[in-house]
């Protein structure tokens, strides 16, 4: 139970920092990197940290790009 609590807390901290930066590239890359770290943490709970990191990186990359486009006024949520 302690491992799950620590992993969930770490994931919450990581996700709160997603998409830091000023340019499209920096927001996308930081989102991907932070997503990979969060995905690895959550994947470790499920028994496959590598798959979690891959899924988290993809989600973070897309999330960072969409956040950038929203900040620029190109898309609305």
Protein backbone atom coordinates (compact mmCIF):
# COMPACT_ATOMS: atom_id res chain seq x y z
CA UNK A 1 0.00 0.00 0.00
CA UNK A 2 2.87 2.37 0.79
CA UNK A 3 4.36 1.85 -2.70
CA UNK A 4 1.04 2.75 -4.33
CA UNK A 5 0.64 5.89 -2.22
CA UNK A 6 4.16 7.11 -3.02
CA UNK A 7 3.69 6.38 -6.73
CA UNK A 8 0.36 8.20 -6.88
CA UNK A 9 1.83 11.21 -5.07
CA UNK A 10 4.81 11.27 -7.45
CA UNK A 11 2.51 11.02 -10.46
CA UNK A 12 0.41 13.94 -9.19
CA UNK A 13 3.50 16.11 -8.79
CA UNK A 14 4.80 15.14 -12.22
CA UNK A 15 1.48 15.81 -13.93
CA UNK A 16 1.21 19.24 -12.33
CA UNK A 17 4.43 20.26 -14.14
CA UNK A 18 3.38 19.01 -17.59
CA UNK A 19 3.95 21.27 -20.59
CA UNK A 20 6.32 23.80 -19.04
CA UNK A 21 7.95 26.11 -21.57
CA UNK A 22 7.26 28.90 -24.02
CA UNK A 23 7.64 27.33 -27.46
CA UNK A 24 5.81 24.48 -29.15
CA UNK A 25 8.92 22.30 -29.05
CA UNK A 26 9.71 22.95 -25.40
CA UNK A 27 6.12 22.35 -24.28
CA UNK A 28 5.85 19.16 -26.33
CA UNK A 29 9.20 17.79 -25.18
CA UNK A 30 8.68 18.65 -21.53
CA UNK A 31 5.23 17.11 -21.70
CA UNK A 32 6.70 13.95 -23.22
CA UNK A 33 9.49 13.71 -20.66
CA UNK A 34 7.23 14.30 -17.70
CA UNK A 35 4.64 11.94 -19.16
CA UNK A 36 7.29 9.23 -19.50
CA UNK A 37 8.29 9.63 -15.86
CA UNK A 38 4.70 9.53 -14.68
CA UNK A 39 3.89 6.60 -16.95
CA UNK A 40 6.89 4.66 -15.67
CA UNK A 41 5.79 5.24 -12.10
CA UNK A 42 2.25 4.09 -12.81
CA UNK A 43 3.48 1.24 -15.02
CA UNK A 44 5.67 -0.01 -12.20
CA UNK A 45 2.56 -0.47 -10.11
CA UNK A 46 1.04 -2.59 -12.87
CA UNK A 47 4.24 -4.55 -13.43
CA UNK A 48 5.49 -3.05 -16.71
CA UNK A 49 7.33 0.25 -16.22
CA UNK A 50 8.63 0.29 -19.82
CA UNK A 51 5.17 0.11 -21.37
CA UNK A 52 3.92 2.72 -18.90
CA UNK A 53 6.79 5.05 -19.81
CA UNK A 54 6.05 4.63 -23.52
CA UNK A 55 2.35 5.32 -23.09
CA UNK A 56 3.04 8.24 -20.76
CA UNK A 57 5.55 9.77 -23.17
CA UNK A 58 3.05 9.63 -26.02
CA UNK A 59 0.26 11.11 -23.93
CA UNK A 60 2.56 13.82 -22.56
CA UNK A 61 3.84 14.74 -26.01
CA UNK A 62 0.33 15.11 -27.39
CA UNK A 63 -0.83 16.91 -24.26
CA UNK A 64 2.05 19.37 -24.39
CA UNK A 65 1.39 20.11 -28.06
CA UNK A 66 -2.35 20.62 -27.50
CA UNK A 67 -1.66 22.88 -24.50
CA UNK A 68 0.69 24.97 -26.64
CA UNK A 69 -1.88 25.31 -29.40
CA UNK A 70 -4.55 26.29 -26.88
CA UNK A 71 -2.27 28.94 -25.34
CA UNK A 72 -1.68 30.37 -28.82
CA UNK A 73 -5.43 30.55 -29.46
CA UNK A 74 -5.37 28.03 -32.30
CA UNK A 75 -7.78 25.59 -30.65
CA UNK A 76 -10.49 25.77 -27.99
CA UNK A 77 -11.34 23.02 -25.53
